[in-house]
Amino acid sequence: NGLAWVQNFLNGYQLGTGDKEGTN
């Protein structure tokens, strides 16, 4: 409900804990 998948393009880590209100 409050999370979406994000990926760090510095090291490739994929996280399902991206806060939907955060800015990416």
PDBML (XML) file of the C-alpha atoms, coordinates in Angstrom:
<?xml version="1.0" encoding="UTF-8" ?>
<PDBx:datablock datablockName="MODEL"
   xmlns:PDBx="http://pdbml.pdb.org/schema/pdbx-v50.xsd"
   xmlns:xsi="http://www.w3.org/2001/XMLSchema-instance"
   xsi:schemaLocation="http://pdbml.pdb.org/schema/pdbx-v50.xsd pdbx-v50.xsd">
   <PDBx:atom_siteCategory>
      <PDBx:atom_site id="1">
         <PDBx:B_iso_or_equiv>0.00</PDBx:B_iso_or_equiv>
         <PDBx:Cartn_x>0.000</PDBx:Cartn_x>
         <PDBx:Cartn_y>0.000</PDBx:Cartn_y>
         <PDBx:Cartn_z>0.000</PDBx:Cartn_z>
         <PDBx:auth_asym_id>A</PDBx:auth_asym_id>
         <PDBx:auth_atom_id>CA</PDBx:auth_atom_id>
         <PDBx:auth_comp_id>ASN</PDBx:auth_comp_id>
         <PDBx:auth_seq_id>1</PDBx:auth_seq_id>
         <PDBx:group_PDB>ATOM</PDBx:group_PDB>
         <PDBx:label_alt_id xsi:nil="true" />
         <PDBx:label_asym_id>A</PDBx:label_asym_id>
         <PDBx:label_atom_id>CA</PDBx:label_atom_id>
         <PDBx:label_comp_id>ASN</PDBx:label_comp_id>
         <PDBx:label_entity_id>1</PDBx:label_entity_id>
         <PDBx:label_seq_id>1</PDBx:label_seq_id>
         <PDBx:occupancy>1.00</PDBx:occupancy>
         <PDBx:pdbx_PDB_model_num>1</PDBx:pdbx_PDB_model_num>
         <PDBx:type_symbol>C</PDBx:type_symbol>
      </PDBx:atom_site>
      <PDBx:atom_site id="2">
         <PDBx:B_iso_or_equiv>0.00</PDBx:B_iso_or_equiv>
         <PDBx:Cartn_x>2.749</PDBx:Cartn_x>
         <PDBx:Cartn_y>2.453</PDBx:Cartn_y>
         <PDBx:Cartn_z>0.820</PDBx:Cartn_z>
         <PDBx:auth_asym_id>A</PDBx:auth_asym_id>
         <PDBx:auth_atom_id>CA</PDBx:auth_atom_id>
         <PDBx:auth_comp_id>GLY</PDBx:auth_comp_id>
         <PDBx:auth_seq_id>2</PDBx:auth_seq_id>
         <PDBx:group_PDB>ATOM</PDBx:group_PDB>
         <PDBx:label_alt_id xsi:nil="true" />
         <PDBx:label_asym_id>A</PDBx:label_asym_id>
         <PDBx:label_atom_id>CA</PDBx:label_atom_id>
         <PDBx:label_comp_id>GLY</PDBx:label_comp_id>
         <PDBx:label_entity_id>1</PDBx:label_entity_id>
         <PDBx:label_seq_id>2</PDBx:label_seq_id>
         <PDBx:occupancy>1.00</PDBx:occupancy>
         <PDBx:pdbx_PDB_model_num>1</PDBx:pdbx_PDB_model_num>
         <PDBx:type_symbol>C</PDBx:type_symbol>
      </PDBx:atom_site>
      <PDBx:atom_site id="3">
         <PDBx:B_iso_or_equiv>0.00</PDBx:B_iso_or_equiv>
         <PDBx:Cartn_x>5.740</PDBx:Cartn_x>
         <PDBx:Cartn_y>0.891</PDBx:Cartn_y>
         <PDBx:Cartn_z>-0.957</PDBx:Cartn_z>
         <PDBx:auth_asym_id>A</PDBx:auth_asym_id>
         <PDBx:auth_atom_id>CA</PDBx:auth_atom_id>
         <PDBx:auth_comp_id>LEU</PDBx:auth_comp_id>
         <PDBx:auth_seq_id>3</PDBx:auth_seq_id>
         <PDBx:group_PDB>ATOM</PDBx:group_PDB>
         <PDBx:label_alt_id xsi:nil="true" />
         <PDBx:label_asym_id>A</PDBx:label_asym_id>
         <PDBx:label_atom_id>CA</PDBx:label_atom_id>
         <PDBx:label_comp_id>LEU</PDBx:label_comp_id>
         <PDBx:label_entity_id>1</PDBx:label_entity_id>
         <PDBx:label_seq_id>3</PDBx:label_seq_id>
         <PDBx:occupancy>1.00</PDBx:occupancy>
         <PDBx:pdbx_PDB_model_num>1</PDBx:pdbx_PDB_model_num>
         <PDBx:type_symbol>C</PDBx:type_symbol>
      </PDBx:atom_site>
      <PDBx:atom_site id="4">
         <PDBx:B_iso_or_equiv>0.00</PDBx:B_iso_or_equiv>
         <PDBx:Cartn_x>7.106</PDBx:Cartn_x>
         <PDBx:Cartn_y>0.290</PDBx:Cartn_y>
         <PDBx:Cartn_z>-4.451</PDBx:Cartn_z>
         <PDBx:auth_asym_id>A</PDBx:auth_asym_id>
         <PDBx:auth_atom_id>CA</PDBx:auth_atom_id>
         <PDBx:auth_comp_id>ALA</PDBx:auth_comp_id>
         <PDBx:auth_seq_id>4</PDBx:auth_seq_id>
         <PDBx:group_PDB>ATOM</PDBx:group_PDB>
         <PDBx:label_alt_id xsi:nil="true" />
         <PDBx:label_asym_id>A</PDBx:label_asym_id>
         <PDBx:label_atom_id>CA</PDBx:label_atom_id>
         <PDBx:label_comp_id>ALA</PDBx:label_comp_id>
         <PDBx:label_entity_id>1</PDBx:label_entity_id>
         <PDBx:label_seq_id>4</PDBx:label_seq_id>
         <PDBx:occupancy>1.00</PDBx:occupancy>
         <PDBx:pdbx_PDB_model_num>1</PDBx:pdbx_PDB_model_num>
         <PDBx:type_symbol>C</PDBx:type_symbol>
      </PDBx:atom_site>
      <PDBx:atom_site id="5">
         <PDBx:B_iso_or_equiv>0.00</PDBx:B_iso_or_equiv>
         <PDBx:Cartn_x>10.246</PDBx:Cartn_x>
         <PDBx:Cartn_y>-1.281</PDBx:Cartn_y>
         <PDBx:Cartn_z>-5.903</PDBx:Cartn_z>
         <PDBx:auth_asym_id>A</PDBx:auth_asym_id>
         <PDBx:auth_atom_id>CA</PDBx:auth_atom_id>
         <PDBx:auth_comp_id>TRP</PDBx:auth_comp_id>
         <PDBx:auth_seq_id>5</PDBx:auth_seq_id>
         <PDBx:group_PDB>ATOM</PDBx:group_PDB>
         <PDBx:label_alt_id xsi:nil="true" />
         <PDBx:label_asym_id>A</PDBx:label_asym_id>
         <PDBx:label_atom_id>CA</PDBx:label_atom_id>
         <PDBx:label_comp_id>TRP</PDBx:label_comp_id>
         <PDBx:label_entity_id>1</PDBx:label_entity_id>
         <PDBx:label_seq_id>5</PDBx:label_seq_id>
         <PDBx:occupancy>1.00</PDBx:occupancy>
         <PDBx:pdbx_PDB_model_num>1</PDBx:pdbx_PDB_model_num>
         <PDBx:type_symbol>C</PDBx:type_symbol>
      </PDBx:atom_site>
      <PDBx:atom_site id="6">
         <PDBx:B_iso_or_equiv>0.00</PDBx:B_iso_or_equiv>
         <PDBx:Cartn_x>13.219</PDBx:Cartn_x>
         <PDBx:Cartn_y>1.038</PDBx:Cartn_y>
         <PDBx:Cartn_z>-6.431</PDBx:Cartn_z>
         <PDBx:auth_asym_id>A</PDBx:auth_asym_id>
         <PDBx:auth_atom_id>CA</PDBx:auth_atom_id>
         <PDBx:auth_comp_id>VAL</PDBx:auth_comp_id>
         <PDBx:auth_seq_id>6</PDBx:auth_seq_id>
         <PDBx:group_PDB>ATOM</PDBx:group_PDB>
         <PDBx:label_alt_id xsi:nil="true" />
         <PDBx:label_asym_id>A</PDBx:label_asym_id>
         <PDBx:label_atom_id>CA</PDBx:label_atom_id>
         <PDBx:label_comp_id>VAL</PDBx:label_comp_id>
         <PDBx:label_entity_id>1</PDBx:label_entity_id>
         <PDBx:label_seq_id>6</PDBx:label_seq_id>
         <PDBx:occupancy>1.00</PDBx:occupancy>
         <PDBx:pdbx_PDB_model_num>1</PDBx:pdbx_PDB_model_num>
         <PDBx:type_symbol>C</PDBx:type_symbol>
      </PDBx:atom_site>
      <PDBx:atom_site id="7">
         <PDBx:B_iso_or_equiv>0.00</PDBx:B_iso_or_equiv>
         <PDBx:Cartn_x>16.772</PDBx:Cartn_x>
         <PDBx:Cartn_y>0.466</PDBx:Cartn_y>
         <PDBx:Cartn_z>-7.649</PDBx:Cartn_z>
         <PDBx:auth_asym_id>A</PDBx:auth_asym_id>
         <PDBx:auth_atom_id>CA</PDBx:auth_atom_id>
         <PDBx:auth_comp_id>GLN</PDBx:auth_comp_id>
         <PDBx:auth_seq_id>7</PDBx:auth_seq_id>
         <PDBx:group_PDB>ATOM</PDBx:group_PDB>
         <PDBx:label_alt_id xsi:nil="true" />
         <PDBx:label_asym_id>A</PDBx:label_asym_id>
         <PDBx:label_atom_id>CA</PDBx:label_atom_id>
         <PDBx:label_comp_id>GLN</PDBx:label_comp_id>
         <PDBx:label_entity_id>1</PDBx:label_entity_id>
         <PDBx:label_seq_id>7</PDBx:label_seq_id>
         <PDBx:occupancy>1.00</PDBx:occupancy>
         <PDBx:pdbx_PDB_model_num>1</PDBx:pdbx_PDB_model_num>
         <PDBx:type_symbol>C</PDBx:type_symbol>
      </PDBx:atom_site>
      <PDBx:atom_site id="8">
         <PDBx:B_iso_or_equiv>0.00</PDBx:B_iso_or_equiv>
         <PDBx:Cartn_x>19.979</PDBx:Cartn_x>
         <PDBx:Cartn_y>2.181</PDBx:Cartn_y>
         <PDBx:Cartn_z>-6.628</PDBx:Cartn_z>
         <PDBx:auth_asym_id>A</PDBx:auth_asym_id>
         <PDBx:auth_atom_id>CA</PDBx:auth_atom_id>
         <PDBx:auth_comp_id>ASN</PDBx:auth_comp_id>
         <PDBx:auth_seq_id>8</PDBx:auth_seq_id>
         <PDBx:group_PDB>ATOM</PDBx:group_PDB>
         <PDBx:label_alt_id xsi:nil="true" />
         <PDBx:label_asym_id>A</PDBx:label_asym_id>
         <PDBx:label_atom_id>CA</PDBx:label_atom_id>
         <PDBx:label_comp_id>ASN</PDBx:label_comp_id>
         <PDBx:label_entity_id>1</PDBx:label_entity_id>
         <PDBx:label_seq_id>8</PDBx:label_seq_id>
         <PDBx:occupancy>1.00</PDBx:occupancy>
         <PDBx:pdbx_PDB_model_num>1</PDBx:pdbx_PDB_model_num>
         <PDBx:type_symbol>C</PDBx:type_symbol>
      </PDBx:atom_site>
      <PDBx:atom_site id="9">
         <PDBx:B_iso_or_equiv>0.00</PDBx:B_iso_or_equiv>
         <PDBx:Cartn_x>21.995</PDBx:Cartn_x>
         <PDBx:Cartn_y>2.969</PDBx:Cartn_y>
         <PDBx:Cartn_z>-9.769</PDBx:Cartn_z>
         <PDBx:auth_asym_id>A</PDBx:auth_asym_id>
         <PDBx:auth_atom_id>CA</PDBx:auth_atom_id>
         <PDBx:auth_comp_id>PHE</PDBx:auth_comp_id>
         <PDBx:auth_seq_id>9</PDBx:auth_seq_id>
         <PDBx:group_PDB>ATOM</PDBx:group_PDB>
         <PDBx:label_alt_id xsi:nil="true" />
         <PDBx:label_asym_id>A</PDBx:label_asym_id>
         <PDBx:label_atom_id>CA</PDBx:label_atom_id>
         <PDBx:label_comp_id>PHE</PDBx:label_comp_id>
         <PDBx:label_entity_id>1</PDBx:label_entity_id>
         <PDBx:label_seq_id>9</PDBx:label_seq_id>
         <PDBx:occupancy>1.00</PDBx:occupancy>
         <PDBx:pdbx_PDB_model_num>1</PDBx:pdbx_PDB_model_num>
         <PDBx:type_symbol>C</PDBx:type_symbol>
      </PDBx:atom_site>
      <PDBx:atom_site id="10">
         <PDBx:B_iso_or_equiv>0.00</PDBx:B_iso_or_equiv>
         <PDBx:Cartn_x>25.126</PDBx:Cartn_x>
         <PDBx:Cartn_y>3.421</PDBx:Cartn_y>
         <PDBx:Cartn_z>-7.652</PDBx:Cartn_z>
         <PDBx:auth_asym_id>A</PDBx:auth_asym_id>
         <PDBx:auth_atom_id>CA</PDBx:auth_atom_id>
         <PDBx:auth_comp_id>LEU</PDBx:auth_comp_id>
         <PDBx:auth_seq_id>10</PDBx:auth_seq_id>
         <PDBx:group_PDB>ATOM</PDBx:group_PDB>
         <PDBx:label_alt_id xsi:nil="true" />
         <PDBx:label_asym_id>A</PDBx:label_asym_id>
         <PDBx:label_atom_id>CA</PDBx:label_atom_id>
         <PDBx:label_comp_id>LEU</PDBx:label_comp_id>
         <PDBx:label_entity_id>1</PDBx:label_entity_id>
         <PDBx:label_seq_id>10</PDBx:label_seq_id>
         <PDBx:occupancy>1.00</PDBx:occupancy>
         <PDBx:pdbx_PDB_model_num>1</PDBx:pdbx_PDB_model_num>
         <PDBx:type_symbol>C</PDBx:type_symbol>
      </PDBx:atom_site>
      <PDBx:atom_site id="11">
         <PDBx:B_iso_or_equiv>0.00</PDBx:B_iso_or_equiv>
         <PDBx:Cartn_x>25.386</PDBx:Cartn_x>
         <PDBx:Cartn_y>-0.234</PDBx:Cartn_y>
         <PDBx:Cartn_z>-6.613</PDBx:Cartn_z>
         <PDBx:auth_asym_id>A</PDBx:auth_asym_id>
         <PDBx:auth_atom_id>CA</PDBx:auth_atom_id>
         <PDBx:auth_comp_id>ASN</PDBx:auth_comp_id>
         <PDBx:auth_seq_id>11</PDBx:auth_seq_id>
         <PDBx:group_PDB>ATOM</PDBx:group_PDB>
         <PDBx:label_alt_id xsi:nil="true" />
         <PDBx:label_asym_id>A</PDBx:label_asym_id>
         <PDBx:label_atom_id>CA</PDBx:label_atom_id>
         <PDBx:label_comp_id>ASN</PDBx:label_comp_id>
         <PDBx:label_entity_id>1</PDBx:label_entity_id>
         <PDBx:label_seq_id>11</PDBx:label_seq_id>
         <PDBx:occupancy>1.00</PDBx:occupancy>
         <PDBx:pdbx_PDB_model_num>1</PDBx:pdbx_PDB_model_num>
         <PDBx:type_symbol>C</PDBx:type_symbol>
      </PDBx:atom_site>
      <PDBx:atom_site id="12">
         <PDBx:B_iso_or_equiv>0.00</PDBx:B_iso_or_equiv>
         <PDBx:Cartn_x>22.417</PDBx:Cartn_x>
         <PDBx:Cartn_y>-2.011</PDBx:Cartn_y>
         <PDBx:Cartn_z>-8.272</PDBx:Cartn_z>
         <PDBx:auth_asym_id>A</PDBx:auth_asym_id>
         <PDBx:auth_atom_id>CA</PDBx:auth_atom_id>
         <PDBx:auth_comp_id>GLY</PDBx:auth_comp_id>
         <PDBx:auth_seq_id>12</PDBx:auth_seq_id>
         <PDBx:group_PDB>ATOM</PDBx:group_PDB>
         <PDBx:label_alt_id xsi:nil="true" />
         <PDBx:label_asym_id>A</PDBx:label_asym_id>
         <PDBx:label_atom_id>CA</PDBx:label_atom_id>
         <PDBx:label_comp_id>GLY</PDBx:label_comp_id>
         <PDBx:label_entity_id>1</PDBx:label_entity_id>
         <PDBx:label_seq_id>12</PDBx:label_seq_id>
         <PDBx:occupancy>1.00</PDBx:occupancy>
         <PDBx:pdbx_PDB_model_num>1</PDBx:pdbx_PDB_model_num>
         <PDBx:type_symbol>C</PDBx:type_symbol>
      </PDBx:atom_site>
      <PDBx:atom_site id="13">
         <PDBx:B_iso_or_equiv>0.00</PDBx:B_iso_or_equiv>
         <PDBx:Cartn_x>20.526</PDBx:Cartn_x>
         <PDBx:Cartn_y>-2.849</PDBx:Cartn_y>
         <PDBx:Cartn_z>-5.068</PDBx:Cartn_z>
         <PDBx:auth_asym_id>A</PDBx:auth_asym_id>
         <PDBx:auth_atom_id>CA</PDBx:auth_atom_id>
         <PDBx:auth_comp_id>TYR</PDBx:auth_comp_id>
         <PDBx:auth_seq_id>13</PDBx:auth_seq_id>
         <PDBx:group_PDB>ATOM</PDBx:group_PDB>
         <PDBx:label_alt_id xsi:nil="true" />
         <PDBx:label_asym_id>A</PDBx:label_asym_id>
         <PDBx:label_atom_id>CA</PDBx:label_atom_id>
         <PDBx:label_comp_id>TYR</PDBx:label_comp_id>
         <PDBx:label_entity_id>1</PDBx:label_entity_id>
         <PDBx:label_seq_id>13</PDBx:label_seq_id>
         <PDBx:occupancy>1.00</PDBx:occupancy>
         <PDBx:pdbx_PDB_model_num>1</PDBx:pdbx_PDB_model_num>
         <PDBx:type_symbol>C</PDBx:type_symbol>
      </PDBx:atom_site>
      <PDBx:atom_site id="14">
         <PDBx:B_iso_or_equiv>0.00</PDBx:B_iso_or_equiv>
         <PDBx:Cartn_x>16.808</PDBx:Cartn_x>
         <PDBx:Cartn_y>-3.381</PDBx:Cartn_y>
         <PDBx:Cartn_z>-5.606</PDBx:Cartn_z>
         <PDBx:auth_asym_id>A</PDBx:auth_asym_id>
         <PDBx:auth_atom_id>CA</PDBx:auth_atom_id>
         <PDBx:auth_comp_id>GLN</PDBx:auth_comp_id>
         <PDBx:auth_seq_id>14</PDBx:auth_seq_id>
         <PDBx:group_PDB>ATOM</PDBx:group_PDB>
         <PDBx:label_alt_id xsi:nil="true" />
         <PDBx:label_asym_id>A</PDBx:label_asym_id>
         <PDBx:label_atom_id>CA</PDBx:label_atom_id>
         <PDBx:label_comp_id>GLN</PDBx:label_comp_id>
         <PDBx:label_entity_id>1</PDBx:label_entity_id>
         <PDBx:label_seq_id>14</PDBx:label_seq_id>
         <PDBx:occupancy>1.00</PDBx:occupancy>
         <PDBx:pdbx_PDB_model_num>1</PDBx:pdbx_PDB_model_num>
         <PDBx:type_symbol>C</PDBx:type_symbol>
      </PDBx:atom_site>
      <PDBx:atom_site id="15">
         <PDBx:B_iso_or_equiv>0.00</PDBx:B_iso_or_equiv>
         <PDBx:Cartn_x>14.541</PDBx:Cartn_x>
         <PDBx:Cartn_y>-2.655</PDBx:Cartn_y>
         <PDBx:Cartn_z>-2.665</PDBx:Cartn_z>
         <PDBx:auth_asym_id>A</PDBx:auth_asym_id>
         <PDBx:auth_atom_id>CA</PDBx:auth_atom_id>
         <PDBx:auth_comp_id>LEU</PDBx:auth_comp_id>
         <PDBx:auth_seq_id>15</PDBx:auth_seq_id>
         <PDBx:group_PDB>ATOM</PDBx:group_PDB>
         <PDBx:label_alt_id xsi:nil="true" />
         <PDBx:label_asym_id>A</PDBx:label_asym_id>
         <PDBx:label_atom_id>CA</PDBx:label_atom_id>
         <PDBx:label_comp_id>LEU</PDBx:label_comp_id>
         <PDBx:label_entity_id>1</PDBx:label_entity_id>
         <PDBx:label_seq_id>15</PDBx:label_seq_id>
         <PDBx:occupancy>1.00</PDBx:occupancy>
         <PDBx:pdbx_PDB_model_num>1</PDBx:pdbx_PDB_model_num>
         <PDBx:type_symbol>C</PDBx:type_symbol>
      </PDBx:atom_site>
      <PDBx:atom_site id="16">
         <PDBx:B_iso_or_equiv>0.00</PDBx:B_iso_or_equiv>
         <PDBx:Cartn_x>10.823</PDBx:Cartn_x>
         <PDBx:Cartn_y>-3.154</PDBx:Cartn_y>
         <PDBx:Cartn_z>-2.175</PDBx:Cartn_z>
         <PDBx:auth_asym_id>A</PDBx:auth_asym_id>
         <PDBx:auth_atom_id>CA</PDBx:auth_atom_id>
         <PDBx:auth_comp_id>GLY</PDBx:auth_comp_id>
         <PDBx:auth_seq_id>16</PDBx:auth_seq_id>
         <PDBx:group_PDB>ATOM</PDBx:group_PDB>
         <PDBx:label_alt_id xsi:nil="true" />
         <PDBx:label_asym_id>A</PDBx:label_asym_id>
         <PDBx:label_atom_id>CA</PDBx:label_atom_id>
         <PDBx:label_comp_id>GLY</PDBx:label_comp_id>
         <PDBx:label_entity_id>1</PDBx:label_entity_id>
         <PDBx:label_seq_id>16</PDBx:label_seq_id>
         <PDBx:occupancy>1.00</PDBx:occupancy>
         <PDBx:pdbx_PDB_model_num>1</PDBx:pdbx_PDB_model_num>
         <PDBx:type_symbol>C</PDBx:type_symbol>
      </PDBx:atom_site>
      <PDBx:atom_site id="17">
         <PDBx:B_iso_or_equiv>0.00</PDBx:B_iso_or_equiv>
         <PDBx:Cartn_x>10.816</PDBx:Cartn_x>
         <PDBx:Cartn_y>-0.566</PDBx:Cartn_y>
         <PDBx:Cartn_z>0.558</PDBx:Cartn_z>
         <PDBx:auth_asym_id>A</PDBx:auth_asym_id>
         <PDBx:auth_atom_id>CA</PDBx:auth_atom_id>
         <PDBx:auth_comp_id>THR</PDBx:auth_comp_id>
         <PDBx:auth_seq_id>17</PDBx:auth_seq_id>
         <PDBx:group_PDB>ATOM</PDBx:group_PDB>
         <PDBx:label_alt_id xsi:nil="true" />
         <PDBx:label_asym_id>A</PDBx:label_asym_id>
         <PDBx:label_atom_id>CA</PDBx:label_atom_id>
         <PDBx:label_comp_id>THR</PDBx:label_comp_id>
         <PDBx:label_entity_id>1</PDBx:label_entity_id>
         <PDBx:label_seq_id>17</PDBx:label_seq_id>
         <PDBx:occupancy>1.00</PDBx:occupancy>
         <PDBx:pdbx_PDB_model_num>1</PDBx:pdbx_PDB_model_num>
         <PDBx:type_symbol>C</PDBx:type_symbol>
      </PDBx:atom_site>
      <PDBx:atom_site id="18">
         <PDBx:B_iso_or_equiv>0.00</PDBx:B_iso_or_equiv>
         <PDBx:Cartn_x>10.644</PDBx:Cartn_x>
         <PDBx:Cartn_y>2.564</PDBx:Cartn_y>
         <PDBx:Cartn_z>-1.560</PDBx:Cartn_z>
         <PDBx:auth_asym_id>A</PDBx:auth_asym_id>
         <PDBx:auth_atom_id>CA</PDBx:auth_atom_id>
         <PDBx:auth_comp_id>GLY</PDBx:auth_comp_id>
         <PDBx:auth_seq_id>18</PDBx:auth_seq_id>
         <PDBx:group_PDB>ATOM</PDBx:group_PDB>
         <PDBx:label_alt_id xsi:nil="true" />
         <PDBx:label_asym_id>A</PDBx:label_asym_id>
         <PDBx:label_atom_id>CA</PDBx:label_atom_id>
         <PDBx:label_comp_id>GLY</PDBx:label_comp_id>
         <PDBx:label_entity_id>1</PDBx:label_entity_id>
         <PDBx:label_seq_id>18</PDBx:label_seq_id>
         <PDBx:occupancy>1.00</PDBx:occupancy>
         <PDBx:pdbx_PDB_model_num>1</PDBx:pdbx_PDB_model_num>
         <PDBx:type_symbol>C</PDBx:type_symbol>
      </PDBx:atom_site>
      <PDBx:atom_site id="19">
         <PDBx:B_iso_or_equiv>0.00</PDBx:B_iso_or_equiv>
         <PDBx:Cartn_x>8.263</PDBx:Cartn_x>
         <PDBx:Cartn_y>4.934</PDBx:Cartn_y>
         <PDBx:Cartn_z>0.220</PDBx:Cartn_z>
         <PDBx:auth_asym_id>A</PDBx:auth_asym_id>
         <PDBx:auth_atom_id>CA</PDBx:auth_atom_id>
         <PDBx:auth_comp_id>ASP</PDBx:auth_comp_id>
         <PDBx:auth_seq_id>19</PDBx:auth_seq_id>
         <PDBx:group_PDB>ATOM</PDBx:group_PDB>
         <PDBx:label_alt_id xsi:nil="true" />
         <PDBx:label_asym_id>A</PDBx:label_asym_id>
         <PDBx:label_atom_id>CA</PDBx:label_atom_id>
         <PDBx:label_comp_id>ASP</PDBx:label_comp_id>
         <PDBx:label_entity_id>1</PDBx:label_entity_id>
         <PDBx:label_seq_id>19</PDBx:label_seq_id>
         <PDBx:occupancy>1.00</PDBx:occupancy>
         <PDBx:pdbx_PDB_model_num>1</PDBx:pdbx_PDB_model_num>
         <PDBx:type_symbol>C</PDBx:type_symbol>
      </PDBx:atom_site>
      <PDBx:atom_site id="20">
         <PDBx:B_iso_or_equiv>0.00</PDBx:B_iso_or_equiv>
         <PDBx:Cartn_x>5.623</PDBx:Cartn_x>
         <PDBx:Cartn_y>6.015</PDBx:Cartn_y>
         <PDBx:Cartn_z>-2.311</PDBx:Cartn_z>
         <PDBx:auth_asym_id>A</PDBx:auth_asym_id>
         <PDBx:auth_atom_id>CA</PDBx:auth_atom_id>
         <PDBx:auth_comp_id>LYS</PDBx:auth_comp_id>
         <PDBx:auth_seq_id>20</PDBx:auth_seq_id>
         <PDBx:group_PDB>ATOM</PDBx:group_PDB>
         <PDBx:label_alt_id xsi:nil="true" />
         <PDBx:label_asym_id>A</PDBx:label_asym_id>
         <PDBx:label_atom_id>CA</PDBx:label_atom_id>
         <PDBx:label_comp_id>LYS</PDBx:label_comp_id>
         <PDBx:label_entity_id>1</PDBx:label_entity_id>
         <PDBx:label_seq_id>20</PDBx:label_seq_id>
         <PDBx:occupancy>1.00</PDBx:occupancy>
         <PDBx:pdbx_PDB_model_num>1</PDBx:pdbx_PDB_model_num>
         <PDBx:type_symbol>C</PDBx:type_symbol>
      </PDBx:atom_site>
      <PDBx:atom_site id="21">
         <PDBx:B_iso_or_equiv>0.00</PDBx:B_iso_or_equiv>
         <PDBx:Cartn_x>5.787</PDBx:Cartn_x>
         <PDBx:Cartn_y>9.542</PDBx:Cartn_y>
         <PDBx:Cartn_z>-0.915</PDBx:Cartn_z>
         <PDBx:auth_asym_id>A</PDBx:auth_asym_id>
         <PDBx:auth_atom_id>CA</PDBx:auth_atom_id>
         <PDBx:auth_comp_id>GLU</PDBx:auth_comp_id>
         <PDBx:auth_seq_id>21</PDBx:auth_seq_id>
         <PDBx:group_PDB>ATOM</PDBx:group_PDB>
         <PDBx:label_alt_id xsi:nil="true" />
         <PDBx:label_asym_id>A</PDBx:label_asym_id>
         <PDBx:label_atom_id>CA</PDBx:label_atom_id>
         <PDBx:label_comp_id>GLU</PDBx:label_comp_id>
         <PDBx:label_entity_id>1</PDBx:label_entity_id>
         <PDBx:label_seq_id>21</PDBx:label_seq_id>
         <PDBx:occupancy>1.00</PDBx:occupancy>
         <PDBx:pdbx_PDB_model_num>1</PDBx:pdbx_PDB_model_num>
         <PDBx:type_symbol>C</PDBx:type_symbol>
      </PDBx:atom_site>
      <PDBx:atom_site id="22">
         <PDBx:B_iso_or_equiv>0.00</PDBx:B_iso_or_equiv>
         <PDBx:Cartn_x>9.557</PDBx:Cartn_x>
         <PDBx:Cartn_y>9.691</PDBx:Cartn_y>
         <PDBx:Cartn_z>-1.359</PDBx:Cartn_z>
         <PDBx:auth_asym_id>A</PDBx:auth_asym_id>
         <PDBx:auth_atom_id>CA</PDBx:auth_atom_id>
         <PDBx:auth_comp_id>GLY</PDBx:auth_comp_id>
         <PDBx:auth_seq_id>22</PDBx:auth_seq_id>
         <PDBx:group_PDB>ATOM</PDBx:group_PDB>
         <PDBx:label_alt_id xsi:nil="true" />
         <PDBx:label_asym_id>A</PDBx:label_asym_id>
         <PDBx:label_atom_id>CA</PDBx:label_atom_id>
         <PDBx:label_comp_id>GLY</PDBx:label_comp_id>
         <PDBx:label_entity_id>1</PDBx:label_entity_id>
         <PDBx:label_seq_id>22</PDBx:label_seq_id>
         <PDBx:occupancy>1.00</PDBx:occupancy>
         <PDBx:pdbx_PDB_model_num>1</PDBx:pdbx_PDB_model_num>
         <PDBx:type_symbol>C</PDBx:type_symbol>
      </PDBx:atom_site>
      <PDBx:atom_site id="23">
         <PDBx:B_iso_or_equiv>0.00</PDBx:B_iso_or_equiv>
         <PDBx:Cartn_x>11.197</PDBx:Cartn_x>
         <PDBx:Cartn_y>11.328</PDBx:Cartn_y>
         <PDBx:Cartn_z>-4.367</PDBx:Cartn_z>
         <PDBx:auth_asym_id>A</PDBx:auth_asym_id>
         <PDBx:auth_atom_id>CA</PDBx:auth_atom_id>
         <PDBx:auth_comp_id>THR</PDBx:auth_comp_id>
         <PDBx:auth_seq_id>23</PDBx:auth_seq_id>
         <PDBx:group_PDB>ATOM</PDBx:group_PDB>
         <PDBx:label_alt_id xsi:nil="true" />
         <PDBx:label_asym_id>A</PDBx:label_asym_id>
         <PDBx:label_atom_id>CA</PDBx:label_atom_id>
         <PDBx:label_comp_id>THR</PDBx:label_comp_id>
         <PDBx:label_entity_id>1</PDBx:label_entity_id>
         <PDBx:label_seq_id>23</PDBx:label_seq_id>
         <PDBx:occupancy>1.00</PDBx:occupancy>
         <PDBx:pdbx_PDB_model_num>1</PDBx:pdbx_PDB_model_num>
         <PDBx:type_symbol>C</PDBx:type_symbol>
      </PDBx:atom_site>
      <PDBx:atom_site id="24">
         <PDBx:B_iso_or_equiv>0.00</PDBx:B_iso_or_equiv>
         <PDBx:Cartn_x>13.233</PDBx:Cartn_x>
         <PDBx:Cartn_y>9.253</PDBx:Cartn_y>
         <PDBx:Cartn_z>-6.800</PDBx:Cartn_z>
         <PDBx:auth_asym_id>A</PDBx:auth_asym_id>
         <PDBx:auth_atom_id>CA</PDBx:auth_atom_id>
         <PDBx:auth_comp_id>ASN</PDBx:auth_comp_id>
         <PDBx:auth_seq_id>24</PDBx:auth_seq_id>
         <PDBx:group_PDB>ATOM</PDBx:group_PDB>
         <PDBx:label_alt_id xsi:nil="true" />
         <PDBx:label_asym_id>A</PDBx:label_asym_id>
         <PDBx:label_atom_id>CA</PDBx:label_atom_id>
         <PDBx:label_comp_id>ASN</PDBx:label_comp_id>
         <PDBx:label_entity_id>1</PDBx:label_entity_id>
         <PDBx:label_seq_id>24</PDBx:label_seq_id>
         <PDBx:occupancy>1.00</PDBx:occupancy>
         <PDBx:pdbx_PDB_model_num>1</PDBx:pdbx_PDB_model_num>
         <PDBx:type_symbol>C</PDBx:type_symbol>
      </PDBx:atom_site>
   </PDBx:atom_siteCategory>
</PDBx:datablock>
